[in-house]
C-alpha atoms as a PDB file:
ATOM      1  CA  UNK A   1       0.083   0.324  -0.064  1.00  0.00           C
ATOM      2  CA  UNK A   2       1.196   3.906  -0.345  1.00  0.00           C
ATOM      3  CA  UNK A   3      -0.210   6.600   1.319  1.00  0.00           C
ATOM      4  CA  UNK A   4      -0.453  10.472   0.271  1.00  0.00           C
ATOM      5  CA  UNK A   5      -0.107  13.710   2.189  1.00  0.00           C
ATOM      6  CA  UNK A   6      -0.186  17.073   1.413  1.00  0.00           C
ATOM      7  CA  UNK A   7       0.941  20.414   2.643  1.00  0.00           C
ATOM      8  CA  UNK A   8      -1.328  23.689   2.581  1.00  0.00           C
ATOM      9  CA  UNK A   9      -0.850  27.317   1.430  1.00  0.00           C
ATOM     10  CA  UNK A  10       0.492  28.466   4.915  1.00  0.00           C
ATOM     11  CA  UNK A  11       3.393  25.304   4.710  1.00  0.00           C
ATOM     12  CA  UNK A  12       3.970  25.976   0.718  1.00  0.00           C
ATOM     13  CA  UNK A  13       4.793  29.754   1.589  1.00  0.00           C
ATOM     14  CA  UNK A  14       8.078  28.198   3.371  1.00  0.00           C
ATOM     15  CA  UNK A  15       8.630  25.252   1.874  1.00  0.00           C
ATOM     16  CA  UNK A  16       8.566  25.949  -2.085  1.00  0.00           C
ATOM     17  CA  UNK A  17      11.368  28.279  -1.536  1.00  0.00           C
ATOM     18  CA  UNK A  18      13.493  25.443   0.195  1.00  0.00           C
ATOM     19  CA  UNK A  19      12.987  22.979  -2.701  1.00  0.00           C
ATOM     20  CA  UNK A  20      14.265  24.903  -4.911  1.00  0.00           C
ATOM     21  CA  UNK A  21      17.758  25.323  -3.309  1.00  0.00           C
ATOM     22  CA  UNK A  22      20.840  22.910  -4.232  1.00  0.00           C
ATOM     23  CA  UNK A  23      19.784  19.634  -2.685  1.00  0.00           C
ATOM     24  CA  UNK A  24      22.631  19.998  -0.355  1.00  0.00           C
ATOM     25  CA  UNK A  25      21.061  22.795   1.221  1.00  0.00           C
ATOM     26  CA  UNK A  26      17.451  21.398   0.937  1.00  0.00           C
ATOM     27  CA  UNK A  27      15.496  21.500   4.620  1.00  0.00           C
ATOM     28  CA  UNK A  28      15.931  16.801   4.385  1.00  0.00           C
ATOM     29  CA  UNK A  29      18.814  16.111   2.453  1.00  0.00           C
ATOM     30  CA  UNK A  30      18.221  12.782   4.173  1.00  0.00           C
ATOM     31  CA  UNK A  31      17.672  10.796   6.912  1.00  0.00           C
ATOM     32  CA  UNK A  32      20.506  11.786   9.513  1.00  0.00           C
ATOM     33  CA  UNK A  33      20.144  15.127   8.587  1.00  0.00           C
ATOM     34  CA  UNK A  34      16.854  15.498   9.882  1.00  0.00           C
ATOM     35  CA  UNK A  35      17.813  15.000  13.372  1.00  0.00           C
ATOM     36  CA  UNK A  36      20.524  16.881  12.984  1.00  0.00           C
ATOM     37  CA  UNK A  37      17.904  19.547  11.681  1.00  0.00           C
ATOM     38  CA  UNK A  38      15.518  19.183  14.830  1.00  0.00           C
ATOM     39  CA  UNK A  39      18.407  19.359  17.420  1.00  0.00           C
ATOM     40  CA  UNK A  40      19.413  22.824  15.405  1.00  0.00           C
ATOM     41  CA  UNK A  41      15.928  24.191  15.271  1.00  0.00           C
ATOM     42  CA  UNK A  42      16.407  22.991  19.241  1.00  0.00           C
ATOM     43  CA  UNK A  43      19.216  25.256  19.875  1.00  0.00           C
ATOM     44  CA  UNK A  44      17.976  27.726  18.164  1.00  0.00           C
ATOM     45  CA  UNK A  45      14.465  28.762  18.621  1.00  0.00           C
ATOM     46  CA  UNK A  46      14.231  26.691  22.298  1.00  0.00           C
ATOM     47  CA  UNK A  47      11.507  24.659  21.596  1.00  0.00           C
ATOM     48  CA  UNK A  48      12.448  20.986  21.868  1.00  0.00           C
ATOM     49  CA  UNK A  49      11.401  19.643  18.511  1.00  0.00           C
ATOM     50  CA  UNK A  50      11.751  15.787  16.687  1.00  0.00           C
ATOM     51  CA  UNK A  51       9.643  13.847  14.929  1.00  0.00           C
ATOM     52  CA  UNK A  52       7.805  12.664  17.265  1.00  0.00           C
ATOM     53  CA  UNK A  53       7.122  15.949  18.940  1.00  0.00           C
ATOM     54  CA  UNK A  54       5.701  16.677  15.353  1.00  0.00           C
ATOM     55  CA  UNK A  55       3.742  13.900  14.351  1.00  0.00           C
ATOM     56  CA  UNK A  56       1.804  13.753  18.452  1.00  0.00           C
ATOM     57  CA  UNK A  57       0.733  17.750  17.985  1.00  0.00           C
ATOM     58  CA  UNK A  58      -0.525  16.732  14.276  1.00  0.00           C
ATOM     59  CA  UNK A  59      -2.456  14.272  15.864  1.00  0.00           C
ATOM     60  CA  UNK A  60      -3.793  16.350  18.566  1.00  0.00           C
ATOM     61  CA  UNK A  61      -5.084  19.194  16.302  1.00  0.00           C
ATOM     62  CA  UNK A  62      -6.358  17.979  13.504  1.00  0.00           C
ATOM     63  CA  UNK A  63      -8.309  15.555  16.460  1.00  0.00           C
ATOM     64  CA  UNK A  64      -9.326  19.224  17.829  1.00  0.00           C
ATOM     65  CA  UNK A  65     -10.534  20.209  14.351  1.00  0.00           C
ATOM     66  CA  UNK A  66     -12.898  17.198  14.517  1.00  0.00           C
ATOM     67  CA  UNK A  67     -11.172  14.762  12.031  1.00  0.00           C
ATOM     68  CA  UNK A  68     -12.060  11.318  12.169  1.00  0.00           C
ATOM     69  CA  UNK A  69      -9.062   9.179  14.078  1.00  0.00           C
ATOM     70  CA  UNK A  70      -9.100   6.515  11.054  1.00  0.00           C
ATOM     71  CA  UNK A  71      -7.969   9.608   8.595  1.00  0.00           C
ATOM     72  CA  UNK A  72      -6.044  11.238  11.164  1.00  0.00           C
ATOM     73  CA  UNK A  73      -4.242   7.630  10.590  1.00  0.00           C
ATOM     74  CA  UNK A  74      -4.223   7.416   6.999  1.00  0.00           C
ATOM     75  CA  UNK A  75      -1.553  11.297   7.006  1.00  0.00           C
ATOM     76  CA  UNK A  76       0.438   9.476   9.621  1.00  0.00           C
ATOM     77  CA  UNK A  77       0.813   5.998   7.258  1.00  0.00           C
ATOM     78  CA  UNK A  78      -1.109   4.238   9.651  1.00  0.00           C
ATOM     79  CA  UNK A  79      -3.181   1.068   8.325  1.00  0.00           C
ATOM     80  CA  UNK A  80      -6.831   1.250   9.336  1.00  0.00           C
ATOM     81  CA  UNK A  81      -7.441  -1.607  11.706  1.00  0.00           C
ATOM     82  CA  UNK A  82     -11.121  -1.518  12.528  1.00  0.00           C
ATOM     83  CA  UNK A  83     -13.308  -3.062  10.036  1.00  0.00           C
ATOM     84  CA  UNK A  84     -15.625   0.536   9.328  1.00  0.00           C
ATOM     85  CA  UNK A  85     -12.227   2.096   8.559  1.00  0.00           C
ATOM     86  CA  UNK A  86     -10.465  -0.955   6.805  1.00  0.00           C
ATOM     87  CA  UNK A  87     -13.656  -1.983   4.320  1.00  0.00           C
ATOM     88  CA  UNK A  88     -15.855   1.436   4.122  1.00  0.00           C
ATOM     89  CA  UNK A  89     -13.653   4.126   4.233  1.00  0.00           C
ATOM     90  CA  UNK A  90     -12.652   6.431   1.285  1.00  0.00           C
ATOM     91  CA  UNK A  91      -8.536   6.988   0.947  1.00  0.00           C
ATOM     92  CA  UNK A  92      -7.893   7.725  -2.112  1.00  0.00           C
ATOM     93  CA  UNK A  93      -5.851  11.265  -2.542  1.00  0.00           C
ATOM     94  CA  UNK A  94      -9.088  12.877  -3.953  1.00  0.00           C
ATOM     95  CA  UNK A  95     -10.994  12.155  -0.030  1.00  0.00           C
ATOM     96  CA  UNK A  96      -7.853  12.807   1.300  1.00  0.00           C
ATOM     97  CA  UNK A  97      -7.255  16.306   0.567  1.00  0.00           C
ATOM     98  CA  UNK A  98     -11.008  16.865   0.868  1.00  0.00           C
ATOM     99  CA  UNK A  99     -10.681  16.223   4.245  1.00  0.00           C
ATOM    100  CA  UNK A 100      -6.874  17.414   4.938  1.00  0.00           C
ATOM    101  CA  UNK A 101      -8.784  20.793   3.103  1.00  0.00           C
ATOM    102  CA  UNK A 102     -11.480  20.844   5.542  1.00  0.00           C
ATOM    103  CA  UNK A 103      -9.789  20.874   8.793  1.00  0.00           C
ATOM    104  CA  UNK A 104      -7.831  23.992   7.879  1.00  0.00           C
ATOM    105  CA  UNK A 105      -5.174  23.333  10.231  1.00  0.00           C
ATOM    106  CA  UNK A 106      -2.557  25.848  10.805  1.00  0.00           C
ATOM    107  CA  UNK A 107       0.885  25.939  12.342  1.00  0.00           C
ATOM    108  CA  UNK A 108       1.809  29.468  12.539  1.00  0.00           C
ATOM    109  CA  UNK A 109      -0.793  32.170  13.048  1.00  0.00           C
END
């Protein structure tokens, strides 16, 4: 199985300029680079940032915005466990984008 994810307009304005930089200057050029970037960002901002912290924030925020758990799981790459989620829920990219857009999640306000 494969999953898709989306990002919103808020993210695009920060991410798109980075994507045009040379590969060694990108935000996450390789796996070890991700952990180093998080440590660096944590030192600079004084805010503890890890992939786990971001996942936890995303899950809590999507729940607060009323997104059903089965879709939050899909956005996080987890496969559905319940019969309802597994057999009777649409997980196509169009449906997932609709759910994501309806949530209007914001990081920077």
